[in-house]
Amino acid sequence: MPHKYSAVHFLLVEDSPGDVRLTQEAFHDANSAVELHVVSYGLEAMAFLRHAGEHVDAPRPDLILLDLNLPKLDGREVLALIKEDGSEDNSHRCAVNFRGTNRHPQELSAACELLSHQTSAAL
């Protein structure tokens, strides 16, 4: 008897269409149980997480894949807002894309500090 797994919900916060396409293809090829939800901006990510506007019925993501270099509200600001919102039942696991950052030690340290409050992984 085959096992039936419920979907795993990932939220990809990425403004690069090429990176979105590659991520979608990778998940499609690797695991059909993953439902990848995509938003392009930090503000839209917060609306998704807060079930606001068009995201009122959005699922709670099991993992957030977050680009740090986003227009308007960048990934660091998204992490800070998630931390501010963070009740125990609203905690999120995040994987952060540091690619394209200037990798300045203070910048990476600040992002990791925000991540450490969310039992998250940095990539």
PDB file of N, CA and C in Angstrom:
ATOM      1  N   MET A   1       0.844  -1.178   0.000  1.00  0.00           N
ATOM      2  CA  MET A   1       0.000   0.000   0.000  1.00  0.00           C
ATOM      3  C   MET A   1       0.889   1.241   0.000  1.00  0.00           C
ATOM      4  N   PRO A   2       0.778   2.088  -1.008  1.00  0.00           N
ATOM      5  CA  PRO A   2       1.613   3.293  -1.056  1.00  0.00           C
ATOM      6  C   PRO A   2       1.215   4.286   0.017  1.00  0.00           C
ATOM      7  N   HIS A   3       2.225   4.999   0.489  1.00  0.00           N
ATOM      8  CA  HIS A   3       1.976   6.040   1.479  1.00  0.00           C
ATOM      9  C   HIS A   3       1.502   7.300   0.773  1.00  0.00           C
ATOM     10  N   LYS A   4       0.557   7.964   1.371  1.00  0.00           N
ATOM     11  CA  LYS A   4       0.110   9.245   0.834  1.00  0.00           C
ATOM     12  C   LYS A   4       0.648  10.345   1.738  1.00  0.00           C
ATOM     13  N   TYR A   5       1.451  11.208   1.162  1.00  0.00           N
ATOM     14  CA  TYR A   5       2.050  12.300   1.918  1.00  0.00           C
ATOM     15  C   TYR A   5       1.279  13.580   1.635  1.00  0.00           C
ATOM     16  N   SER A   6       1.127  14.370   2.664  1.00  0.00           N
ATOM     17  CA  SER A   6       0.510  15.672   2.433  1.00  0.00           C
ATOM     18  C   SER A   6       1.563  16.600   1.833  1.00  0.00           C
ATOM     19  N   ALA A   7       1.094  17.598   1.157  1.00  0.00           N
ATOM     20  CA  ALA A   7       1.995  18.533   0.493  1.00  0.00           C
ATOM     21  C   ALA A   7       2.830  19.290   1.510  1.00  0.00           C
ATOM     22  N   VAL A   8       4.025  19.598   1.112  1.00  0.00           N
ATOM     23  CA  VAL A   8       4.920  20.449   1.883  1.00  0.00           C
ATOM     24  C   VAL A   8       4.920  21.797   1.175  1.00  0.00           C
ATOM     25  N   HIS A   9       4.678  22.860   1.918  1.00  0.00           N
ATOM     26  CA  HIS A   9       4.564  24.187   1.329  1.00  0.00           C
ATOM     27  C   HIS A   9       5.844  24.977   1.546  1.00  0.00           C
ATOM     28  N   PHE A  10       6.460  25.409   0.442  1.00  0.00           N
ATOM     29  CA  PHE A  10       7.633  26.264   0.480  1.00  0.00           C
ATOM     30  C   PHE A  10       7.230  27.614  -0.093  1.00  0.00           C
ATOM     31  N   LEU A  11       7.721  28.680   0.527  1.00  0.00           N
ATOM     32  CA  LEU A  11       7.535  30.016   0.002  1.00  0.00           C
ATOM     33  C   LEU A  11       8.869  30.510  -0.536  1.00  0.00           C
ATOM     34  N   LEU A  12       8.929  30.764  -1.834  1.00  0.00           N
ATOM     35  CA  LEU A  12      10.122  31.313  -2.463  1.00  0.00           C
ATOM     36  C   LEU A  12       9.922  32.823  -2.616  1.00  0.00           C
ATOM     37  N   VAL A  13      10.822  33.590  -2.022  1.00  0.00           N
ATOM     38  CA  VAL A  13      10.783  35.049  -2.128  1.00  0.00           C
ATOM     39  C   VAL A  13      11.984  35.439  -2.986  1.00  0.00           C
ATOM     40  N   GLU A  14      11.715  35.682  -4.263  1.00  0.00           N
ATOM     41  CA  GLU A  14      12.789  35.879  -5.234  1.00  0.00           C
ATOM     42  C   GLU A  14      12.308  36.810  -6.343  1.00  0.00           C
ATOM     43  N   ASP A  15      13.118  37.820  -6.667  1.00  0.00           N
ATOM     44  CA  ASP A  15      12.731  38.776  -7.700  1.00  0.00           C
ATOM     45  C   ASP A  15      13.344  38.474  -9.063  1.00  0.00           C
ATOM     46  N   SER A  16      14.223  37.506  -9.152  1.00  0.00           N
ATOM     47  CA  SER A  16      14.855  37.155 -10.425  1.00  0.00           C
ATOM     48  C   SER A  16      14.037  36.067 -11.127  1.00  0.00           C
ATOM     49  N   PRO A  17      13.425  36.385 -12.274  1.00  0.00           N
ATOM     50  CA  PRO A  17      12.628  35.379 -12.978  1.00  0.00           C
ATOM     51  C   PRO A  17      13.423  34.116 -13.328  1.00  0.00           C
ATOM     52  N   GLY A  18      14.700  34.282 -13.661  1.00  0.00           N
ATOM     53  CA  GLY A  18      15.536  33.124 -13.974  1.00  0.00           C
ATOM     54  C   GLY A  18      15.721  32.209 -12.772  1.00  0.00           C
ATOM     55  N   ASP A  19      15.966  32.810 -11.607  1.00  0.00           N
ATOM     56  CA  ASP A  19      16.130  32.008 -10.389  1.00  0.00           C
ATOM     57  C   ASP A  19      14.816  31.341  -9.997  1.00  0.00           C
ATOM     58  N   VAL A  20      13.712  32.031 -10.203  1.00  0.00           N
ATOM     59  CA  VAL A  20      12.397  31.434  -9.913  1.00  0.00           C
ATOM     60  C   VAL A  20      12.189  30.215 -10.802  1.00  0.00           C
ATOM     61  N   ARG A  21      12.454  30.375 -12.095  1.00  0.00           N
ATOM     62  CA  ARG A  21      12.256  29.264 -13.034  1.00  0.00           C
ATOM     63  C   ARG A  21      13.133  28.069 -12.674  1.00  0.00           C
ATOM     64  N   LEU A  22      14.397  28.312 -12.368  1.00  0.00           N
ATOM     65  CA  LEU A  22      15.305  27.221 -11.993  1.00  0.00           C
ATOM     66  C   LEU A  22      14.829  26.506 -10.730  1.00  0.00           C
ATOM     67  N   THR A  23      14.376  27.270  -9.759  1.00  0.00           N
ATOM     68  CA  THR A  23      13.892  26.680  -8.513  1.00  0.00           C
ATOM     69  C   THR A  23      12.636  25.864  -8.764  1.00  0.00           C
ATOM     70  N   GLN A  24      11.719  26.393  -9.571  1.00  0.00           N
ATOM     71  CA  GLN A  24      10.502  25.648  -9.898  1.00  0.00           C
ATOM     72  C   GLN A  24      10.836  24.341 -10.591  1.00  0.00           C
ATOM     73  N   GLU A  25      11.756  24.384 -11.536  1.00  0.00           N
ATOM     74  CA  GLU A  25      12.144  23.173 -12.255  1.00  0.00           C
ATOM     75  C   GLU A  25      12.796  22.160 -11.324  1.00  0.00           C
ATOM     76  N   ALA A  26      13.656  22.637 -10.434  1.00  0.00           N
ATOM     77  CA  ALA A  26      14.340  21.734  -9.506  1.00  0.00           C
ATOM     78  C   ALA A  26      13.345  21.019  -8.595  1.00  0.00           C
ATOM     79  N   PHE A  27      12.395  21.759  -8.049  1.00  0.00           N
ATOM     80  CA  PHE A  27      11.411  21.130  -7.174  1.00  0.00           C
ATOM     81  C   PHE A  27      10.470  20.224  -7.943  1.00  0.00           C
ATOM     82  N   HIS A  28      10.105  20.611  -9.150  1.00  0.00           N
ATOM     83  CA  HIS A  28       9.222  19.778  -9.961  1.00  0.00           C
ATOM     84  C   HIS A  28       9.885  18.438 -10.252  1.00  0.00           C
ATOM     85  N   ASP A  29      11.171  18.482 -10.593  1.00  0.00           N
ATOM     86  CA  ASP A  29      11.900  17.260 -10.912  1.00  0.00           C
ATOM     87  C   ASP A  29      12.208  16.416  -9.681  1.00  0.00           C
ATOM     88  N   ALA A  30      12.399  17.058  -8.538  1.00  0.00           N
ATOM     89  CA  ALA A  30      12.860  16.357  -7.333  1.00  0.00           C
ATOM     90  C   ALA A  30      11.731  15.787  -6.484  1.00  0.00           C
ATOM     91  N   ASN A  31      10.641  16.524  -6.334  1.00  0.00           N
ATOM     92  CA  ASN A  31       9.633  16.088  -5.376  1.00  0.00           C
ATOM     93  C   ASN A  31       8.279  16.714  -5.705  1.00  0.00           C
ATOM     94  N   SER A  32       7.369  15.887  -6.136  1.00  0.00           N
ATOM     95  CA  SER A  32       6.052  16.399  -6.502  1.00  0.00           C
ATOM     96  C   SER A  32       5.198  16.743  -5.286  1.00  0.00           C
ATOM     97  N   ALA A  33       5.646  16.364  -4.091  1.00  0.00           N
ATOM     98  CA  ALA A  33       4.886  16.682  -2.877  1.00  0.00           C
ATOM     99  C   ALA A  33       5.140  18.110  -2.401  1.00  0.00           C
ATOM    100  N   VAL A  34       6.106  18.791  -3.010  1.00  0.00           N
ATOM    101  CA  VAL A  34       6.415  20.173  -2.633  1.00  0.00           C
ATOM    102  C   VAL A  34       5.540  21.122  -3.440  1.00  0.00           C
ATOM    103  N   GLU A  35       4.802  21.962  -2.733  1.00  0.00           N
ATOM    104  CA  GLU A  35       4.048  23.035  -3.383  1.00  0.00           C
ATOM    105  C   GLU A  35       4.844  24.316  -3.182  1.00  0.00           C
ATOM    106  N   LEU A  36       5.367  24.834  -4.280  1.00  0.00           N
ATOM    107  CA  LEU A  36       6.200  26.025  -4.234  1.00  0.00           C
ATOM    108  C   LEU A  36       5.344  27.248  -4.526  1.00  0.00           C
ATOM    109  N   HIS A  37       5.235  28.127  -3.554  1.00  0.00           N
ATOM    110  CA  HIS A  37       4.519  29.395  -3.702  1.00  0.00           C
ATOM    111  C   HIS A  37       5.578  30.467  -3.929  1.00  0.00           C
ATOM    112  N   VAL A  38       5.347  31.347  -4.887  1.00  0.00           N
ATOM    113  CA  VAL A  38       6.361  32.321  -5.273  1.00  0.00           C
ATOM    114  C   VAL A  38       5.824  33.738  -5.117  1.00  0.00           C
ATOM    115  N   VAL A  39       6.605  34.573  -4.456  1.00  0.00           N
ATOM    116  CA  VAL A  39       6.354  36.010  -4.411  1.00  0.00           C
ATOM    117  C   VAL A  39       7.656  36.706  -4.801  1.00  0.00           C
ATOM    118  N   SER A  40       7.529  37.909  -5.341  1.00  0.00           N
ATOM    119  CA  SER A  40       8.706  38.588  -5.889  1.00  0.00           C
ATOM    120  C   SER A  40       9.311  39.654  -4.989  1.00  0.00           C
ATOM    121  N   TYR A  41       8.571  40.096  -3.997  1.00  0.00           N
ATOM    122  CA  TYR A  41       9.026  41.217  -3.181  1.00  0.00           C
ATOM    123  C   TYR A  41       8.835  40.937  -1.700  1.00  0.00           C
ATOM    124  N   GLY A  42       9.598  41.623  -0.883  1.00  0.00           N
ATOM    125  CA  GLY A  42       9.497  41.469   0.558  1.00  0.00           C
ATOM    126  C   GLY A  42       8.120  41.823   1.097  1.00  0.00           C
ATOM    127  N   LEU A  43       7.533  42.902   0.564  1.00  0.00           N
ATOM    128  CA  LEU A  43       6.194  43.296   1.027  1.00  0.00           C
ATOM    129  C   LEU A  43       5.169  42.215   0.722  1.00  0.00           C
ATOM    130  N   GLU A  44       5.306  41.599  -0.448  1.00  0.00           N
ATOM    131  CA  GLU A  44       4.384  40.518  -0.819  1.00  0.00           C
ATOM    132  C   GLU A  44       4.617  39.287   0.061  1.00  0.00           C
ATOM    133  N   ALA A  45       5.860  39.047   0.437  1.00  0.00           N
ATOM    134  CA  ALA A  45       6.151  37.934   1.345  1.00  0.00           C
ATOM    135  C   ALA A  45       5.454  38.132   2.684  1.00  0.00           C
ATOM    136  N   MET A  46       5.508  39.360   3.194  1.00  0.00           N
ATOM    137  CA  MET A  46       4.854  39.630   4.480  1.00  0.00           C
ATOM    138  C   MET A  46       3.337  39.505   4.357  1.00  0.00           C
ATOM    139  N   ALA A  47       2.771  39.926   3.233  1.00  0.00           N
ATOM    140  CA  ALA A  47       1.328  39.758   3.015  1.00  0.00           C
ATOM    141  C   ALA A  47       0.975  38.272   2.993  1.00  0.00           C
ATOM    142  N   PHE A  48       1.810  37.458   2.350  1.00  0.00           N
ATOM    143  CA  PHE A  48       1.589  36.014   2.303  1.00  0.00           C
ATOM    144  C   PHE A  48       1.611  35.433   3.716  1.00  0.00           C
ATOM    145  N   LEU A  49       2.637  35.794   4.487  1.00  0.00           N
ATOM    146  CA  LEU A  49       2.800  35.248   5.836  1.00  0.00           C
ATOM    147  C   LEU A  49       1.719  35.735   6.801  1.00  0.00           C
ATOM    148  N   ARG A  50       1.218  36.932   6.547  1.00  0.00           N
ATOM    149  CA  ARG A  50       0.184  37.509   7.423  1.00  0.00           C
ATOM    150  C   ARG A  50      -1.236  37.244   6.902  1.00  0.00           C
ATOM    151  N   HIS A  51      -1.342  36.512   5.781  1.00  0.00           N
ATOM    152  CA  HIS A  51      -2.647  36.191   5.173  1.00  0.00           C
ATOM    153  C   HIS A  51      -3.426  37.458   4.840  1.00  0.00           C
ATOM    154  N   ALA A  52      -2.744  38.399   4.239  1.00  0.00           N
ATOM    155  CA  ALA A  52      -3.353  39.692   3.915  1.00  0.00           C
ATOM    156  C   ALA A  52      -3.628  39.805   2.414  1.00  0.00           C
ATOM    157  N   GLY A  53      -4.615  40.613   2.076  1.00  0.00           N
ATOM    158  CA  GLY A  53      -4.925  40.883   0.671  1.00  0.00           C
ATOM    159  C   GLY A  53      -5.239  39.621  -0.094  1.00  0.00           C
ATOM    160  N   GLU A  54      -4.603  39.476  -1.260  1.00  0.00           N
ATOM    161  CA  GLU A  54      -4.866  38.305  -2.102  1.00  0.00           C
ATOM    162  C   GLU A  54      -4.340  37.001  -1.494  1.00  0.00           C
ATOM    163  N   HIS A  55      -3.606  37.094  -0.406  1.00  0.00           N
ATOM    164  CA  HIS A  55      -3.027  35.908   0.231  1.00  0.00           C
ATOM    165  C   HIS A  55      -3.820  35.456   1.463  1.00  0.00           C
ATOM    166  N   VAL A  56      -5.072  35.865   1.554  1.00  0.00           N
ATOM    167  CA  VAL A  56      -5.883  35.560   2.734  1.00  0.00           C
ATOM    168  C   VAL A  56      -5.978  34.050   2.988  1.00  0.00           C
ATOM    169  N   ASP A  57      -5.954  33.246   1.933  1.00  0.00           N
ATOM    170  CA  ASP A  57      -6.051  31.791   2.085  1.00  0.00           C
ATOM    171  C   ASP A  57      -4.713  31.084   1.924  1.00  0.00           C
ATOM    172  N   ALA A  58      -3.632  31.824   2.006  1.00  0.00           N
ATOM    173  CA  ALA A  58      -2.307  31.229   1.816  1.00  0.00           C
ATOM    174  C   ALA A  58      -2.004  30.224   2.927  1.00  0.00           C
ATOM    175  N   PRO A  59      -1.365  29.116   2.574  1.00  0.00           N
ATOM    176  CA  PRO A  59      -0.973  28.159   3.608  1.00  0.00           C
ATOM    177  C   PRO A  59       0.218  28.674   4.402  1.00  0.00           C
ATOM    178  N   ARG A  60       0.407  28.118   5.589  1.00  0.00           N
ATOM    179  CA  ARG A  60       1.603  28.442   6.373  1.00  0.00           C
ATOM    180  C   ARG A  60       2.769  27.671   5.759  1.00  0.00           C
ATOM    181  N   PRO A  61       3.807  28.367   5.287  1.00  0.00           N
ATOM    182  CA  PRO A  61       4.912  27.643   4.651  1.00  0.00           C
ATOM    183  C   PRO A  61       5.723  26.843   5.669  1.00  0.00           C
ATOM    184  N   ASP A  62       6.154  25.667   5.232  1.00  0.00           N
ATOM    185  CA  ASP A  62       7.038  24.843   6.052  1.00  0.00           C
ATOM    186  C   ASP A  62       8.469  25.362   5.985  1.00  0.00           C
ATOM    187  N   LEU A  63       8.788  26.052   4.891  1.00  0.00           N
ATOM    188  CA  LEU A  63      10.123  26.616   4.702  1.00  0.00           C
ATOM    189  C   LEU A  63      10.001  27.856   3.834  1.00  0.00           C
ATOM    190  N   ILE A  64      10.754  28.881   4.192  1.00  0.00           N
ATOM    191  CA  ILE A  64      10.824  30.102   3.390  1.00  0.00           C
ATOM    192  C   ILE A  64      12.209  30.167   2.759  1.00  0.00           C
ATOM    193  N   LEU A  65      12.258  30.255   1.445  1.00  0.00           N
ATOM    194  CA  LEU A  65      13.501  30.422   0.705  1.00  0.00           C
ATOM    195  C   LEU A  65      13.588  31.909   0.361  1.00  0.00           C
ATOM    196  N   LEU A  66      14.481  32.610   1.013  1.00  0.00           N
ATOM    197  CA  LEU A  66      14.477  34.072   0.987  1.00  0.00           C
ATOM    198  C   LEU A  66      15.740  34.647   0.367  1.00  0.00           C
ATOM    199  N   ASP A  67      15.560  35.447  -0.671  1.00  0.00           N
ATOM    200  CA  ASP A  67      16.649  36.216  -1.260  1.00  0.00           C
ATOM    201  C   ASP A  67      16.870  37.449  -0.383  1.00  0.00           C
ATOM    202  N   LEU A  68      18.098  37.736  -0.017  1.00  0.00           N
ATOM    203  CA  LEU A  68      18.361  38.921   0.808  1.00  0.00           C
ATOM    204  C   LEU A  68      18.300  40.209   0.005  1.00  0.00           C
ATOM    205  N   ASN A  69      18.587  40.142  -1.299  1.00  0.00           N
ATOM    206  CA  ASN A  69      18.661  41.343  -2.128  1.00  0.00           C
ATOM    207  C   ASN A  69      17.365  41.534  -2.905  1.00  0.00           C
ATOM    208  N   LEU A  70      16.366  42.051  -2.227  1.00  0.00           N
ATOM    209  CA  LEU A  70      15.069  42.305  -2.841  1.00  0.00           C
ATOM    210  C   LEU A  70      14.845  43.808  -2.942  1.00  0.00           C
ATOM    211  N   PRO A  71      14.096  44.248  -3.960  1.00  0.00           N
ATOM    212  CA  PRO A  71      13.761  45.671  -4.025  1.00  0.00           C
ATOM    213  C   PRO A  71      12.718  46.037  -2.973  1.00  0.00           C
ATOM    214  N   LYS A  72      12.637  47.288  -2.671  1.00  0.00           N
ATOM    215  CA  LYS A  72      11.670  47.867  -1.734  1.00  0.00           C
ATOM    216  C   LYS A  72      11.936  47.402  -0.309  1.00  0.00           C
ATOM    217  N   LEU A  73      11.482  46.228   0.073  1.00  0.00           N
ATOM    218  CA  LEU A  73      11.700  45.667   1.414  1.00  0.00           C
ATOM    219  C   LEU A  73      12.639  44.482   1.236  1.00  0.00           C
ATOM    220  N   ASP A  74      13.910  44.632   1.645  1.00  0.00           N
ATOM    221  CA  ASP A  74      14.871  43.566   1.364  1.00  0.00           C
ATOM    222  C   ASP A  74      14.743  42.401   2.347  1.00  0.00           C
ATOM    223  N   GLY A  75      15.495  41.343   2.086  1.00  0.00           N
ATOM    224  CA  GLY A  75      15.403  40.126   2.880  1.00  0.00           C
ATOM    225  C   GLY A  75      15.719  40.321   4.354  1.00  0.00           C
ATOM    226  N   ARG A  76      16.648  41.210   4.667  1.00  0.00           N
ATOM    227  CA  ARG A  76      16.988  41.479   6.070  1.00  0.00           C
ATOM    228  C   ARG A  76      15.799  42.100   6.795  1.00  0.00           C
ATOM    229  N   GLU A  77      15.115  43.000   6.093  1.00  0.00           N
ATOM    230  CA  GLU A  77      13.933  43.631   6.683  1.00  0.00           C
ATOM    231  C   GLU A  77      12.795  42.619   6.834  1.00  0.00           C
ATOM    232  N   VAL A  78      12.663  41.710   5.880  1.00  0.00           N
ATOM    233  CA  VAL A  78      11.662  40.645   5.990  1.00  0.00           C
ATOM    234  C   VAL A  78      11.957  39.791   7.219  1.00  0.00           C
ATOM    235  N   LEU A  79      13.224  39.417   7.407  1.00  0.00           N
ATOM    236  CA  LEU A  79      13.596  38.629   8.591  1.00  0.00           C
ATOM    237  C   LEU A  79      13.249  39.362   9.879  1.00  0.00           C
ATOM    238  N   ALA A  80      13.536  40.665   9.909  1.00  0.00           N
ATOM    239  CA  ALA A  80      13.225  41.451  11.111  1.00  0.00           C
ATOM    240  C   ALA A  80      11.718  41.487  11.366  1.00  0.00           C
ATOM    241  N   LEU A  81      10.920  41.632  10.322  1.00  0.00           N
ATOM    242  CA  LEU A  81       9.465  41.647  10.489  1.00  0.00           C
ATOM    243  C   LEU A  81       8.929  40.278  10.920  1.00  0.00           C
ATOM    244  N   ILE A  82       9.503  39.215  10.371  1.00  0.00           N
ATOM    245  CA  ILE A  82       9.101  37.864  10.797  1.00  0.00           C
ATOM    246  C   ILE A  82       9.406  37.697  12.282  1.00  0.00           C
ATOM    247  N   LYS A  83      10.566  38.188  12.690  1.00  0.00           N
ATOM    248  CA  LYS A  83      10.952  38.108  14.100  1.00  0.00           C
ATOM    249  C   LYS A  83       9.976  38.897  14.965  1.00  0.00           C
ATOM    250  N   GLU A  84       9.598  40.098  14.526  1.00  0.00           N
ATOM    251  CA  GLU A  84       8.639  40.907  15.281  1.00  0.00           C
ATOM    252  C   GLU A  84       7.285  40.217  15.395  1.00  0.00           C
ATOM    253  N   ASP A  85       6.859  39.571  14.299  1.00  0.00           N
ATOM    254  CA  ASP A  85       5.565  38.879  14.281  1.00  0.00           C
ATOM    255  C   ASP A  85       5.609  37.575  15.063  1.00  0.00           C
ATOM    256  N   GLY A  86       6.805  37.075  15.338  1.00  0.00           N
ATOM    257  CA  GLY A  86       7.012  35.697  15.759  1.00  0.00           C
ATOM    258  C   GLY A  86       6.447  35.253  17.088  1.00  0.00           C
ATOM    259  N   SER A  87       5.233  34.760  17.073  1.00  0.00           N
ATOM    260  CA  SER A  87       4.750  33.980  18.210  1.00  0.00           C
ATOM    261  C   SER A  87       5.201  32.549  17.967  1.00  0.00           C
ATOM    262  N   GLU A  88       5.116  31.697  18.957  1.00  0.00           N
ATOM    263  CA  GLU A  88       5.572  30.313  18.829  1.00  0.00           C
ATOM    264  C   GLU A  88       4.856  29.598  17.688  1.00  0.00           C
ATOM    265  N   ASP A  89       3.555  29.807  17.552  1.00  0.00           N
ATOM    266  CA  ASP A  89       2.819  29.132  16.484  1.00  0.00           C
ATOM    267  C   ASP A  89       3.000  29.817  15.133  1.00  0.00           C
ATOM    268  N   ASN A  90       3.687  30.957  15.105  1.00  0.00           N
ATOM    269  CA  ASN A  90       3.911  31.669  13.864  1.00  0.00           C
ATOM    270  C   ASN A  90       5.392  31.665  13.484  1.00  0.00           C
ATOM    271  N   SER A  91       6.179  30.795  14.124  1.00  0.00           N
ATOM    272  CA  SER A  91       7.603  30.756  13.811  1.00  0.00           C
ATOM    273  C   SER A  91       7.795  30.091  12.445  1.00  0.00           C
ATOM    274  N   HIS A  92       8.841  30.494  11.758  1.00  0.00           N
ATOM    275  CA  HIS A  92       9.108  30.002  10.414  1.00  0.00           C
ATOM    276  C   HIS A  92      10.554  29.570  10.309  1.00  0.00           C
ATOM    277  N   ARG A  93      10.785  28.591   9.469  1.00  0.00           N
ATOM    278  CA  ARG A  93      12.142  28.197   9.130  1.00  0.00           C
ATOM    279  C   ARG A  93      12.500  28.895   7.826  1.00  0.00           C
ATOM    280  N   CYS A  94      13.696  29.470   7.786  1.00  0.00           N
ATOM    281  CA  CYS A  94      14.124  30.218   6.610  1.00  0.00           C
ATOM    282  C   CYS A  94      15.456  29.692   6.093  1.00  0.00           C
ATOM    283  N   ALA A  95      15.574  29.667   4.790  1.00  0.00           N
ATOM    284  CA  ALA A  95      16.856  29.443   4.135  1.00  0.00           C
ATOM    285  C   ALA A  95      17.136  30.721   3.360  1.00  0.00           C
ATOM    286  N   VAL A  96      18.300  31.290   3.552  1.00  0.00           N
ATOM    287  CA  VAL A  96      18.606  32.604   2.992  1.00  0.00           C
ATOM    288  C   VAL A  96      19.643  32.477   1.899  1.00  0.00           C
ATOM    289  N   ASN A  97      19.410  33.186   0.802  1.00  0.00           N
ATOM    290  CA  ASN A  97      20.347  33.251  -0.303  1.00  0.00           C
ATOM    291  C   ASN A  97      21.233  34.471  -0.116  1.00  0.00           C
ATOM    292  N   PHE A  98      22.507  34.238   0.196  1.00  0.00           N
ATOM    293  CA  PHE A  98      23.464  35.341   0.360  1.00  0.00           C
ATOM    294  C   PHE A  98      24.136  35.694  -0.965  1.00  0.00           C
ATOM    295  N   ARG A  99      23.821  34.973  -2.032  1.00  0.00           N
ATOM    296  CA  ARG A  99      24.441  35.228  -3.332  1.00  0.00           C
ATOM    297  C   ARG A  99      24.117  36.655  -3.764  1.00  0.00           C
ATOM    298  N   GLY A 100      25.119  37.343  -4.210  1.00  0.00           N
ATOM    299  CA  GLY A 100      24.904  38.704  -4.682  1.00  0.00           C
ATOM    300  C   GLY A 100      25.033  39.762  -3.592  1.00  0.00           C
ATOM    301  N   THR A 101      25.170  39.333  -2.339  1.00  0.00           N
ATOM    302  CA  THR A 101      25.411  40.331  -1.298  1.00  0.00           C
ATOM    303  C   THR A 101      26.880  40.707  -1.357  1.00  0.00           C
ATOM    304  N   ASN A 102      27.226  41.796  -0.717  1.00  0.00           N
ATOM    305  CA  ASN A 102      28.638  42.186  -0.729  1.00  0.00           C
ATOM    306  C   ASN A 102      29.442  41.354   0.263  1.00  0.00           C
ATOM    307  N   ARG A 103      28.767  40.490   0.988  1.00  0.00           N
ATOM    308  CA  ARG A 103      29.394  39.562   1.933  1.00  0.00           C
ATOM    309  C   ARG A 103      30.259  40.268   2.979  1.00  0.00           C
ATOM    310  N   HIS A 104      29.947  41.490   3.274  1.00  0.00           N
ATOM    311  CA  HIS A 104      30.630  42.216   4.326  1.00  0.00           C
ATOM    312  C   HIS A 104      30.352  41.490   5.644  1.00  0.00           C
ATOM    313  N   PRO A 105      31.366  41.227   6.460  1.00  0.00           N
ATOM    314  CA  PRO A 105      31.160  40.465   7.694  1.00  0.00           C
ATOM    315  C   PRO A 105      30.044  41.003   8.593  1.00  0.00           C
ATOM    316  N   GLN A 106      29.920  42.316   8.705  1.00  0.00           N
ATOM    317  CA  GLN A 106      28.871  42.878   9.566  1.00  0.00           C
ATOM    318  C   GLN A 106      27.485  42.605   8.991  1.00  0.00           C
ATOM    319  N   GLU A 107      27.356  42.665   7.664  1.00  0.00           N
ATOM    320  CA  GLU A 107      26.074  42.400   7.013  1.00  0.00           C
ATOM    321  C   GLU A 107      25.666  40.943   7.217  1.00  0.00           C
ATOM    322  N   LEU A 108      26.604  40.033   7.005  1.00  0.00           N
ATOM    323  CA  LEU A 108      26.311  38.610   7.195  1.00  0.00           C
ATOM    324  C   LEU A 108      26.006  38.309   8.657  1.00  0.00           C
ATOM    325  N   SER A 109      26.744  38.936   9.544  1.00  0.00           N
ATOM    326  CA  SER A 109      26.518  38.729  10.974  1.00  0.00           C
ATOM    327  C   SER A 109      25.122  39.184  11.386  1.00  0.00           C
ATOM    328  N   ALA A 110      24.685  40.332  10.880  1.00  0.00           N
ATOM    329  CA  ALA A 110      23.357  40.848  11.214  1.00  0.00           C
ATOM    330  C   ALA A 110      22.265  39.920  10.704  1.00  0.00           C
ATOM    331  N   ALA A 111      22.412  39.420   9.483  1.00  0.00           N
ATOM    332  CA  ALA A 111      21.422  38.496   8.935  1.00  0.00           C
ATOM    333  C   ALA A 111      21.399  37.198   9.729  1.00  0.00           C
ATOM    334  N   CYS A 112      22.566  36.694  10.089  1.00  0.00           N
ATOM    335  CA  CYS A 112      22.631  35.452  10.871  1.00  0.00           C
ATOM    336  C   CYS A 112      22.034  35.650  12.262  1.00  0.00           C
ATOM    337  N   GLU A 113      22.209  36.818  12.833  1.00  0.00           N
ATOM    338  CA  GLU A 113      21.611  37.112  14.139  1.00  0.00           C
ATOM    339  C   GLU A 113      20.091  37.042  14.048  1.00  0.00           C
ATOM    340  N   LEU A 114      19.519  37.612  13.006  1.00  0.00           N
ATOM    341  CA  LEU A 114      18.074  37.525  12.809  1.00  0.00           C
ATOM    342  C   LEU A 114      17.647  36.078  12.590  1.00  0.00           C
ATOM    343  N   LEU A 115      18.436  35.343  11.823  1.00  0.00           N
ATOM    344  CA  LEU A 115      18.112  33.933  11.564  1.00  0.00           C
ATOM    345  C   LEU A 115      18.152  33.100  12.837  1.00  0.00           C
ATOM    346  N   SER A 116      19.097  33.389  13.715  1.00  0.00           N
ATOM    347  CA  SER A 116      19.263  32.566  14.913  1.00  0.00           C
ATOM    348  C   SER A 116      18.046  32.613  15.819  1.00  0.00           C
ATOM    349  N   HIS A 117      17.251  33.650  15.724  1.00  0.00           N
ATOM    350  CA  HIS A 117      16.041  33.757  16.540  1.00  0.00           C
ATOM    351  C   HIS A 117      14.889  32.973  15.944  1.00  0.00           C
ATOM    352  N   GLN A 118      15.096  32.372  14.775  1.00  0.00           N
ATOM    353  CA  GLN A 118      14.023  31.683  14.091  1.00  0.00           C
ATOM    354  C   GLN A 118      14.357  30.223  13.794  1.00  0.00           C
ATOM    355  N   THR A 119      15.317  29.651  14.528  1.00  0.00           N
ATOM    356  CA  THR A 119      15.776  28.285  14.274  1.00  0.00           C
ATOM    357  C   THR A 119      15.864  28.014  12.778  1.00  0.00           C
ATOM    358  N   SER A 120      16.643  28.869  12.101  1.00  0.00           N
ATOM    359  CA  SER A 120      16.694  28.840  10.646  1.00  0.00           C
ATOM    360  C   SER A 120      18.075  28.496  10.143  1.00  0.00           C
ATOM    361  N   ALA A 121      18.133  28.178   8.875  1.00  0.00           N
ATOM    362  CA  ALA A 121      19.399  27.845   8.237  1.00  0.00           C
ATOM    363  C   ALA A 121      19.777  28.933   7.261  1.00  0.00           C
ATOM    364  N   ALA A 122      21.054  29.215   7.178  1.00  0.00           N
ATOM    365  CA  ALA A 122      21.543  30.192   6.203  1.00  0.00           C
ATOM    366  C   ALA A 122      22.306  29.463   5.129  1.00  0.00           C
ATOM    367  N   LEU A 123      22.000  29.761   3.869  1.00  0.00           N
ATOM    368  CA  LEU A 123      22.699  29.152   2.738  1.00  0.00           C
ATOM    369  C   LEU A 123      23.573  30.175   2.053  1.00  0.00           C
TER     370      LEU A 123
END
